[in-house]
Full PDB file with SEQRES, HELIX, SHEET, SSBOND, CRYST1, ORIGX, SCALE, CONECT and MASTER records, all heavy atoms in Angstrom:
SEQRES   1 A   34  THR THR TYR ILE ARG LYS LEU VAL GLU TYR PRO GLU ALA          
SEQRES   2 A   34  LEU ARG ILE ILE GLU PHE ALA ASP GLY ARG VAL THR LEU          
SEQRES   3 A   34  ALA GLY VAL ARG ALA TYR ALA GLY                              
HELIX    1 AA1 THR A    2  GLU A    9  1                                   8    
SHEET    1 AA1 2 ALA A  13  PHE A  19  0                                        
SHEET    2 AA1 2 VAL A  24  VAL A  29 -1                                        
CRYST1    1.000    1.000    1.000  90.00  90.00  90.00 P 1           1          
ORIGX1      1.000000  0.000000  0.000000        0.00000                         
ORIGX2      0.000000  1.000000  0.000000        0.00000                         
ORIGX3      0.000000  0.000000  1.000000        0.00000                         
SCALE1      1.000000  0.000000  0.000000        0.00000                         
SCALE2      0.000000  1.000000  0.000000        0.00000                         
SCALE3      0.000000  0.000000  1.000000        0.00000                         
ATOM      1  N   THR A   1       0.834  -1.209   0.000  1.00  0.00           N  
ATOM      2  CA  THR A   1       0.000   0.000   0.000  1.00  0.00           C  
ATOM      3  C   THR A   1       0.867   1.256   0.000  1.00  0.00           C  
ATOM      4  O   THR A   1       0.621   2.203  -0.764  1.00  0.00           O  
ATOM      5  CB  THR A   1      -0.923   0.003   1.226  1.00  0.00           C  
ATOM      6  OG1 THR A   1      -1.761  -1.157   1.197  1.00  0.00           O  
ATOM      7  CG2 THR A   1      -1.796   1.245   1.247  1.00  0.00           C  
ATOM      8  N   THR A   2       1.883   1.279   0.852  1.00  0.00           N  
ATOM      9  CA  THR A   2       2.782   2.433   0.916  1.00  0.00           C  
ATOM     10  C   THR A   2       3.524   2.621  -0.404  1.00  0.00           C  
ATOM     11  O   THR A   2       3.684   3.752  -0.898  1.00  0.00           O  
ATOM     12  CB  THR A   2       3.779   2.252   2.064  1.00  0.00           C  
ATOM     13  OG1 THR A   2       3.057   2.101   3.296  1.00  0.00           O  
ATOM     14  CG2 THR A   2       4.717   3.442   2.179  1.00  0.00           C  
ATOM     15  N   TYR A   3       3.988   1.523  -0.973  1.00  0.00           N  
ATOM     16  CA  TYR A   3       4.688   1.525  -2.255  1.00  0.00           C  
ATOM     17  C   TYR A   3       3.824   2.200  -3.324  1.00  0.00           C  
ATOM     18  O   TYR A   3       4.258   3.121  -4.036  1.00  0.00           O  
ATOM     19  CB  TYR A   3       4.979   0.069  -2.618  1.00  0.00           C  
ATOM     20  CG  TYR A   3       5.876  -0.209  -3.790  1.00  0.00           C  
ATOM     21  CD1 TYR A   3       6.732  -1.299  -3.765  1.00  0.00           C  
ATOM     22  CD2 TYR A   3       5.847   0.550  -4.949  1.00  0.00           C  
ATOM     23  CE1 TYR A   3       7.553  -1.609  -4.840  1.00  0.00           C  
ATOM     24  CE2 TYR A   3       6.650   0.255  -6.032  1.00  0.00           C  
ATOM     25  CZ  TYR A   3       7.501  -0.828  -5.973  1.00  0.00           C  
ATOM     26  OH  TYR A   3       8.299  -1.129  -7.037  1.00  0.00           O  
ATOM     27  N   ILE A   4       2.558   1.753  -3.431  1.00  0.00           N  
ATOM     28  CA  ILE A   4       1.672   2.267  -4.474  1.00  0.00           C  
ATOM     29  C   ILE A   4       1.291   3.719  -4.201  1.00  0.00           C  
ATOM     30  O   ILE A   4       1.222   4.542  -5.130  1.00  0.00           O  
ATOM     31  CB  ILE A   4       0.411   1.387  -4.575  1.00  0.00           C  
ATOM     32  CG1 ILE A   4       0.793  -0.045  -4.994  1.00  0.00           C  
ATOM     33  CG2 ILE A   4      -0.574   1.977  -5.579  1.00  0.00           C  
ATOM     34  CD1 ILE A   4      -0.352  -1.020  -4.950  1.00  0.00           C  
ATOM     35  N   ARG A   5       1.038   4.057  -2.946  1.00  0.00           N  
ATOM     36  CA  ARG A   5       0.652   5.437  -2.621  1.00  0.00           C  
ATOM     37  C   ARG A   5       1.721   6.423  -3.087  1.00  0.00           C  
ATOM     38  O   ARG A   5       1.405   7.498  -3.623  1.00  0.00           O  
ATOM     39  CB  ARG A   5       0.420   5.576  -1.121  1.00  0.00           C  
ATOM     40  CG  ARG A   5       0.118   7.015  -0.691  1.00  0.00           C  
ATOM     41  CD  ARG A   5      -0.205   7.102   0.782  1.00  0.00           C  
ATOM     42  NE  ARG A   5       0.805   6.488   1.620  1.00  0.00           N  
ATOM     43  CZ  ARG A   5       1.969   7.045   1.935  1.00  0.00           C  
ATOM     44  NH1 ARG A   5       2.301   8.236   1.446  1.00  0.00           N  
ATOM     45  NH2 ARG A   5       2.834   6.429   2.727  1.00  0.00           N  
ATOM     46  N   LYS A   6       2.984   6.074  -2.919  1.00  0.00           N  
ATOM     47  CA  LYS A   6       4.064   6.965  -3.357  1.00  0.00           C  
ATOM     48  C   LYS A   6       4.107   7.080  -4.873  1.00  0.00           C  
ATOM     49  O   LYS A   6       4.436   8.145  -5.415  1.00  0.00           O  
ATOM     50  CB  LYS A   6       5.401   6.454  -2.816  1.00  0.00           C  
ATOM     51  CG  LYS A   6       5.530   6.598  -1.303  1.00  0.00           C  
ATOM     52  CD  LYS A   6       6.836   6.027  -0.794  1.00  0.00           C  
ATOM     53  CE  LYS A   6       6.950   6.174   0.708  1.00  0.00           C  
ATOM     54  NZ  LYS A   6       8.186   5.549   1.239  1.00  0.00           N  
ATOM     55  N   LEU A   7       3.753   6.003  -5.591  1.00  0.00           N  
ATOM     56  CA  LEU A   7       3.714   6.067  -7.050  1.00  0.00           C  
ATOM     57  C   LEU A   7       2.572   6.955  -7.540  1.00  0.00           C  
ATOM     58  O   LEU A   7       2.668   7.572  -8.599  1.00  0.00           O  
ATOM     59  CB  LEU A   7       3.572   4.657  -7.637  1.00  0.00           C  
ATOM     60  CG  LEU A   7       4.758   3.713  -7.443  1.00  0.00           C  
ATOM     61  CD1 LEU A   7       4.459   2.356  -8.058  1.00  0.00           C  
ATOM     62  CD2 LEU A   7       6.028   4.293  -8.033  1.00  0.00           C  
ATOM     63  N   VAL A   8       1.496   6.985  -6.779  1.00  0.00           N  
ATOM     64  CA  VAL A   8       0.390   7.881  -7.128  1.00  0.00           C  
ATOM     65  C   VAL A   8       0.795   9.333  -6.876  1.00  0.00           C  
ATOM     66  O   VAL A   8       0.486  10.234  -7.659  1.00  0.00           O  
ATOM     67  CB  VAL A   8      -0.875   7.512  -6.330  1.00  0.00           C  
ATOM     68  CG1 VAL A   8      -1.988   8.534  -6.575  1.00  0.00           C  
ATOM     69  CG2 VAL A   8      -1.366   6.122  -6.707  1.00  0.00           C  
ATOM     70  N   GLU A   9       1.517   9.558  -5.779  1.00  0.00           N  
ATOM     71  CA  GLU A   9       1.948  10.917  -5.440  1.00  0.00           C  
ATOM     72  C   GLU A   9       2.989  11.439  -6.431  1.00  0.00           C  
ATOM     73  O   GLU A   9       3.026  12.643  -6.724  1.00  0.00           O  
ATOM     74  CB  GLU A   9       2.527  10.942  -4.023  1.00  0.00           C  
ATOM     75  CG  GLU A   9       1.490  10.675  -2.935  1.00  0.00           C  
ATOM     76  CD  GLU A   9       2.117  10.514  -1.567  1.00  0.00           C  
ATOM     77  OE1 GLU A   9       3.369  10.486  -1.473  1.00  0.00           O  
ATOM     78  OE2 GLU A   9       1.365  10.396  -0.576  1.00  0.00           O  
ATOM     79  N   TYR A  10       3.834  10.538  -6.950  1.00  0.00           N  
ATOM     80  CA  TYR A  10       4.879  10.915  -7.907  1.00  0.00           C  
ATOM     81  C   TYR A  10       4.707  10.081  -9.175  1.00  0.00           C  
ATOM     82  O   TYR A  10       5.409   9.083  -9.376  1.00  0.00           O  
ATOM     83  CB  TYR A  10       6.268  10.708  -7.304  1.00  0.00           C  
ATOM     84  CG  TYR A  10       6.527  11.523  -6.062  1.00  0.00           C  
ATOM     85  CD1 TYR A  10       6.418  10.951  -4.797  1.00  0.00           C  
ATOM     86  CD2 TYR A  10       6.875  12.874  -6.146  1.00  0.00           C  
ATOM     87  CE1 TYR A  10       6.651  11.697  -3.648  1.00  0.00           C  
ATOM     88  CE2 TYR A  10       7.116  13.622  -5.009  1.00  0.00           C  
ATOM     89  CZ  TYR A  10       6.997  13.024  -3.764  1.00  0.00           C  
ATOM     90  OH  TYR A  10       7.224  13.766  -2.638  1.00  0.00           O  
ATOM     91  N   PRO A  11       3.775  10.466 -10.047  1.00  0.00           N  
ATOM     92  CA  PRO A  11       3.451   9.614 -11.207  1.00  0.00           C  
ATOM     93  C   PRO A  11       4.588   9.467 -12.207  1.00  0.00           C  
ATOM     94  O   PRO A  11       4.541   8.583 -13.061  1.00  0.00           O  
ATOM     95  CB  PRO A  11       2.248  10.330 -11.832  1.00  0.00           C  
ATOM     96  CG  PRO A  11       2.341  11.744 -11.361  1.00  0.00           C  
ATOM     97  CD  PRO A  11       2.940  11.665  -9.987  1.00  0.00           C  
ATOM     98  N   GLU A  12       5.608  10.316 -12.135  1.00  0.00           N  
ATOM     99  CA  GLU A  12       6.743  10.179 -13.060  1.00  0.00           C  
ATOM    100  C   GLU A  12       7.662   9.018 -12.683  1.00  0.00           C  
ATOM    101  O   GLU A  12       8.487   8.593 -13.487  1.00  0.00           O  
ATOM    102  CB  GLU A  12       7.583  11.462 -13.075  1.00  0.00           C  
ATOM    103  CG  GLU A  12       6.822  12.701 -13.516  1.00  0.00           C  
ATOM    104  CD  GLU A  12       6.168  13.426 -12.351  1.00  0.00           C  
ATOM    105  OE1 GLU A  12       6.224  12.912 -11.208  1.00  0.00           O  
ATOM    106  OE2 GLU A  12       5.598  14.503 -12.585  1.00  0.00           O  
ATOM    107  N   ALA A  13       7.559   8.515 -11.457  1.00  0.00           N  
ATOM    108  CA  ALA A  13       8.532   7.557 -10.929  1.00  0.00           C  
ATOM    109  C   ALA A  13       8.079   6.110 -11.096  1.00  0.00           C  
ATOM    110  O   ALA A  13       6.887   5.805 -11.144  1.00  0.00           O  
ATOM    111  CB  ALA A  13       8.805   7.838  -9.457  1.00  0.00           C  
ATOM    112  N   LEU A  14       9.069   5.226 -11.180  1.00  0.00           N  
ATOM    113  CA  LEU A  14       8.826   3.789 -11.144  1.00  0.00           C  
ATOM    114  C   LEU A  14       8.936   3.240  -9.723  1.00  0.00           C  
ATOM    115  O   LEU A  14       8.413   2.178  -9.402  1.00  0.00           O  
ATOM    116  CB  LEU A  14       9.841   3.055 -12.032  1.00  0.00           C  
ATOM    117  CG  LEU A  14       9.853   3.417 -13.517  1.00  0.00           C  
ATOM    118  CD1 LEU A  14      11.045   2.764 -14.191  1.00  0.00           C  
ATOM    119  CD2 LEU A  14       8.555   3.005 -14.173  1.00  0.00           C  
ATOM    120  N   ARG A  15       9.665   3.959  -8.883  1.00  0.00           N  
ATOM    121  CA  ARG A  15       9.870   3.535  -7.494  1.00  0.00           C  
ATOM    122  C   ARG A  15      10.302   4.753  -6.687  1.00  0.00           C  
ATOM    123  O   ARG A  15      11.096   5.568  -7.153  1.00  0.00           O  
ATOM    124  CB  ARG A  15      10.961   2.441  -7.433  1.00  0.00           C  
ATOM    125  CG  ARG A  15      11.235   1.882  -6.037  1.00  0.00           C  
ATOM    126  CD  ARG A  15      10.170   0.892  -5.647  1.00  0.00           C  
ATOM    127  NE  ARG A  15      10.269   0.479  -4.250  1.00  0.00           N  
ATOM    128  CZ  ARG A  15      10.959  -0.559  -3.804  1.00  0.00           C  
ATOM    129  NH1 ARG A  15      11.657  -1.292  -4.656  1.00  0.00           N  
ATOM    130  NH2 ARG A  15      10.960  -0.889  -2.533  1.00  0.00           N  
ATOM    131  N   ILE A  16       9.775   4.880  -5.489  1.00  0.00           N  
ATOM    132  CA  ILE A  16      10.160   5.944  -4.566  1.00  0.00           C  
ATOM    133  C   ILE A  16      10.555   5.300  -3.239  1.00  0.00           C  
ATOM    134  O   ILE A  16       9.774   4.570  -2.639  1.00  0.00           O  
ATOM    135  CB  ILE A  16       9.012   6.946  -4.337  1.00  0.00           C  
ATOM    136  CG1 ILE A  16       8.698   7.718  -5.610  1.00  0.00           C  
ATOM    137  CG2 ILE A  16       9.349   7.902  -3.201  1.00  0.00           C  
ATOM    138  CD1 ILE A  16       9.756   8.735  -6.002  1.00  0.00           C  
ATOM    139  N   ILE A  17      11.794   5.552  -2.815  1.00  0.00           N  
ATOM    140  CA  ILE A  17      12.319   4.954  -1.583  1.00  0.00           C  
ATOM    141  C   ILE A  17      12.867   6.066  -0.698  1.00  0.00           C  
ATOM    142  O   ILE A  17      13.629   6.916  -1.169  1.00  0.00           O  
ATOM    143  CB  ILE A  17      13.442   3.946  -1.892  1.00  0.00           C  
ATOM    144  CG1 ILE A  17      12.914   2.806  -2.753  1.00  0.00           C  
ATOM    145  CG2 ILE A  17      14.047   3.404  -0.602  1.00  0.00           C  
ATOM    146  CD1 ILE A  17      14.007   1.919  -3.318  1.00  0.00           C  
ATOM    147  N   GLU A  18      12.484   6.062   0.561  1.00  0.00           N  
ATOM    148  CA  GLU A  18      12.953   7.087   1.490  1.00  0.00           C  
ATOM    149  C   GLU A  18      13.962   6.508   2.470  1.00  0.00           C  
ATOM    150  O   GLU A  18      13.834   5.354   2.914  1.00  0.00           O  
ATOM    151  CB  GLU A  18      11.779   7.705   2.251  1.00  0.00           C  
ATOM    152  CG  GLU A  18      10.835   8.501   1.362  1.00  0.00           C  
ATOM    153  CD  GLU A  18       9.699   9.127   2.145  1.00  0.00           C  
ATOM    154  OE1 GLU A  18       9.488   8.731   3.316  1.00  0.00           O  
ATOM    155  OE2 GLU A  18       9.008  10.017   1.596  1.00  0.00           O  
ATOM    156  N   PHE A  19      14.957   7.333   2.815  1.00  0.00           N  
ATOM    157  CA  PHE A  19      15.975   6.967   3.797  1.00  0.00           C  
ATOM    158  C   PHE A  19      16.054   8.054   4.870  1.00  0.00           C  
ATOM    159  O   PHE A  19      15.568   9.170   4.691  1.00  0.00           O  
ATOM    160  CB  PHE A  19      17.352   6.832   3.130  1.00  0.00           C  
ATOM    161  CG  PHE A  19      17.476   5.677   2.166  1.00  0.00           C  
ATOM    162  CD1 PHE A  19      17.316   5.880   0.806  1.00  0.00           C  
ATOM    163  CD2 PHE A  19      17.736   4.403   2.626  1.00  0.00           C  
ATOM    164  CE1 PHE A  19      17.438   4.824  -0.088  1.00  0.00           C  
ATOM    165  CE2 PHE A  19      17.854   3.341   1.739  1.00  0.00           C  
ATOM    166  CZ  PHE A  19      17.705   3.556   0.387  1.00  0.00           C  
ATOM    167  N   ALA A  20      16.717   7.697   5.960  1.00  0.00           N  
ATOM    168  CA  ALA A  20      17.036   8.657   7.022  1.00  0.00           C  
ATOM    169  C   ALA A  20      15.791   9.410   7.479  1.00  0.00           C  
ATOM    170  O   ALA A  20      15.739  10.645   7.459  1.00  0.00           O  
ATOM    171  CB  ALA A  20      18.124   9.625   6.558  1.00  0.00           C  
ATOM    172  N   ASP A  21      14.769   8.622   7.872  1.00  0.00           N  
ATOM    173  CA  ASP A  21      13.522   9.215   8.378  1.00  0.00           C  
ATOM    174  C   ASP A  21      12.893  10.179   7.381  1.00  0.00           C  
ATOM    175  O   ASP A  21      12.319  11.207   7.758  1.00  0.00           O  
ATOM    176  CB  ASP A  21      13.762   9.929   9.710  1.00  0.00           C  
ATOM    177  CG  ASP A  21      14.219   8.974  10.804  1.00  0.00           C  
ATOM    178  OD1 ASP A  21      13.725   7.827  10.820  1.00  0.00           O  
ATOM    179  OD2 ASP A  21      15.074   9.368  11.614  1.00  0.00           O  
ATOM    180  N   GLY A  22      13.006   9.845   6.104  1.00  0.00           N  
ATOM    181  CA  GLY A  22      12.339  10.619   5.070  1.00  0.00           C  
ATOM    182  C   GLY A  22      13.086  11.824   4.561  1.00  0.00           C  
ATOM    183  O   GLY A  22      12.558  12.586   3.732  1.00  0.00           O  
ATOM    184  N   ARG A  23      14.331  12.030   4.983  1.00  0.00           N  
ATOM    185  CA  ARG A  23      15.067  13.220   4.552  1.00  0.00           C  
ATOM    186  C   ARG A  23      15.728  13.061   3.183  1.00  0.00           C  
ATOM    187  O   ARG A  23      16.038  14.045   2.509  1.00  0.00           O  
ATOM    188  CB  ARG A  23      16.123  13.588   5.599  1.00  0.00           C  
ATOM    189  CG  ARG A  23      15.547  14.277   6.821  1.00  0.00           C  
ATOM    190  CD  ARG A  23      16.581  14.463   7.903  1.00  0.00           C  
ATOM    191  NE  ARG A  23      16.885  13.202   8.570  1.00  0.00           N  
ATOM    192  CZ  ARG A  23      17.768  13.078   9.548  1.00  0.00           C  
ATOM    193  NH1 ARG A  23      18.442  14.128   9.961  1.00  0.00           N  
ATOM    194  NH2 ARG A  23      17.978  11.902  10.108  1.00  0.00           N  
ATOM    195  N   VAL A  24      15.979  11.818   2.790  1.00  0.00           N  
ATOM    196  CA  VAL A  24      16.619  11.537   1.501  1.00  0.00           C  
ATOM    197  C   VAL A  24      15.717  10.590   0.718  1.00  0.00           C  
ATOM    198  O   VAL A  24      15.146   9.652   1.278  1.00  0.00           O  
ATOM    199  CB  VAL A  24      18.005  10.899   1.697  1.00  0.00           C  
ATOM    200  CG1 VAL A  24      18.667  10.625   0.357  1.00  0.00           C  
ATOM    201  CG2 VAL A  24      18.891  11.784   2.553  1.00  0.00           C  
ATOM    202  N   THR A  25      15.587  10.825  -0.576  1.00  0.00           N  
ATOM    203  CA  THR A  25      14.731   9.986  -1.415  1.00  0.00           C  
ATOM    204  C   THR A  25      15.513   9.467  -2.612  1.00  0.00           C  
ATOM    205  O   THR A  25      16.243  10.218  -3.278  1.00  0.00           O  
ATOM    206  CB  THR A  25      13.501  10.765  -1.916  1.00  0.00           C  
ATOM    207  OG1 THR A  25      12.677  11.103  -0.796  1.00  0.00           O  
ATOM    208  CG2 THR A  25      12.682   9.932  -2.880  1.00  0.00           C  
ATOM    209  N   LEU A  26      15.343   8.169  -2.873  1.00  0.00           N  
ATOM    210  CA  LEU A  26      15.889   7.530  -4.066  1.00  0.00           C  
ATOM    211  C   LEU A  26      14.719   7.254  -5.000  1.00  0.00           C  
ATOM    212  O   LEU A  26      13.747   6.600  -4.612  1.00  0.00           O  
ATOM    213  CB  LEU A  26      16.597   6.223  -3.702  1.00  0.00           C  
ATOM    214  CG  LEU A  26      17.142   5.393  -4.867  1.00  0.00           C  
ATOM    215  CD1 LEU A  26      18.287   6.121  -5.559  1.00  0.00           C  
ATOM    216  CD2 LEU A  26      17.603   4.018  -4.382  1.00  0.00           C  
ATOM    217  N   ALA A  27      14.798   7.763  -6.212  1.00  0.00           N  
ATOM    218  CA  ALA A  27      13.721   7.581  -7.181  1.00  0.00           C  
ATOM    219  C   ALA A  27      14.227   6.783  -8.372  1.00  0.00           C  
ATOM    220  O   ALA A  27      15.314   7.047  -8.896  1.00  0.00           O  
ATOM    221  CB  ALA A  27      13.189   8.933  -7.654  1.00  0.00           C  
ATOM    222  N   GLY A  28      13.435   5.806  -8.778  1.00  0.00           N  
ATOM    223  CA  GLY A  28      13.690   5.108 -10.022  1.00  0.00           C  
ATOM    224  C   GLY A  28      12.786   5.699 -11.087  1.00  0.00           C  
ATOM    225  O   GLY A  28      11.583   5.864 -10.876  1.00  0.00           O  
ATOM    226  N   VAL A  29      13.341   6.060 -12.228  1.00  0.00           N  
ATOM    227  CA  VAL A  29      12.561   6.743 -13.258  1.00  0.00           C  
ATOM    228  C   VAL A  29      13.042   6.311 -14.641  1.00  0.00           C  
ATOM    229  O   VAL A  29      14.226   6.038 -14.842  1.00  0.00           O  
ATOM    230  CB  VAL A  29      12.663   8.280 -13.086  1.00  0.00           C  
ATOM    231  CG1 VAL A  29      14.089   8.760 -13.268  1.00  0.00           C  
ATOM    232  CG2 VAL A  29      11.734   9.010 -14.037  1.00  0.00           C  
ATOM    233  N   ARG A  30      12.108   6.249 -15.575  1.00  0.00           N  
ATOM    234  CA  ARG A  30      12.441   5.922 -16.956  1.00  0.00           C  
ATOM    235  C   ARG A  30      12.771   7.213 -17.698  1.00  0.00           C  
ATOM    236  O   ARG A  30      12.006   8.178 -17.650  1.00  0.00           O  
ATOM    237  CB  ARG A  30      11.254   5.247 -17.636  1.00  0.00           C  
ATOM    238  CG  ARG A  30      11.540   4.743 -19.046  1.00  0.00           C  
ATOM    239  CD  ARG A  30      12.215   3.407 -19.030  1.00  0.00           C  
ATOM    240  NE  ARG A  30      11.371   2.389 -18.400  1.00  0.00           N  
ATOM    241  CZ  ARG A  30      11.822   1.216 -17.987  1.00  0.00           C  
ATOM    242  NH1 ARG A  30      13.106   0.921 -18.121  1.00  0.00           N  
ATOM    243  NH2 ARG A  30      11.010   0.333 -17.428  1.00  0.00           N  
ATOM    244  N   ALA A  31      13.915   7.244 -18.336  1.00  0.00           N  
ATOM    245  CA  ALA A  31      14.304   8.427 -19.100  1.00  0.00           C  
ATOM    246  C   ALA A  31      13.606   8.391 -20.465  1.00  0.00           C  
ATOM    247  O   ALA A  31      13.762   7.444 -21.228  1.00  0.00           O  
ATOM    248  CB  ALA A  31      15.818   8.462 -19.283  1.00  0.00           C  
ATOM    249  N   TYR A  32      12.807   9.404 -20.742  1.00  0.00           N  
ATOM    250  CA  TYR A  32      12.051   9.462 -21.978  1.00  0.00           C  
ATOM    251  C   TYR A  32      12.634  10.507 -22.922  1.00  0.00           C  
ATOM    252  O   TYR A  32      13.207  11.512 -22.488  1.00  0.00           O  
ATOM    253  CB  TYR A  32      10.581   9.799 -21.700  1.00  0.00           C  
ATOM    254  CG  TYR A  32       9.802   8.636 -21.149  1.00  0.00           C  
ATOM    255  CD1 TYR A  32       9.605   8.497 -19.777  1.00  0.00           C  
ATOM    256  CD2 TYR A  32       9.274   7.673 -21.997  1.00  0.00           C  
ATOM    257  CE1 TYR A  32       8.891   7.429 -19.265  1.00  0.00           C  
ATOM    258  CE2 TYR A  32       8.558   6.593 -21.494  1.00  0.00           C  
ATOM    259  CZ  TYR A  32       8.365   6.475 -20.125  1.00  0.00           C  
ATOM    260  OH  TYR A  32       7.669   5.417 -19.624  1.00  0.00           O  
ATOM    261  N   ALA A  33      12.464  10.273 -24.215  1.00  0.00           N  
ATOM    262  CA  ALA A  33      12.886  11.246 -25.211  1.00  0.00           C  
ATOM    263  C   ALA A  33      12.199  12.580 -24.923  1.00  0.00           C  
ATOM    264  O   ALA A  33      11.003  12.623 -24.655  1.00  0.00           O  
ATOM    265  CB  ALA A  33      12.531  10.756 -26.618  1.00  0.00           C  
ATOM    266  N   GLY A  34      12.971  13.629 -24.945  1.00  0.00           N  
ATOM    267  CA  GLY A  34      12.423  14.937 -24.630  1.00  0.00           C  
ATOM    268  C   GLY A  34      12.816  15.417 -23.259  1.00  0.00           C  
ATOM    269  O   GLY A  34      12.712  16.610 -22.956  1.00  0.00           O  
TER     270      GLY A  34                                                      
MASTER        0    0    0    1    2    0    0    6  269    1    0    3          
END                                                                             
């Protein structure tokens, strides 16, 4: 549920991962032409 909620909040991302109590975020994203 948490995984999907973050994807809804950030629709550009494939994955959103937080570290250090939410201060740092690792995002997986597909690079698109343009």
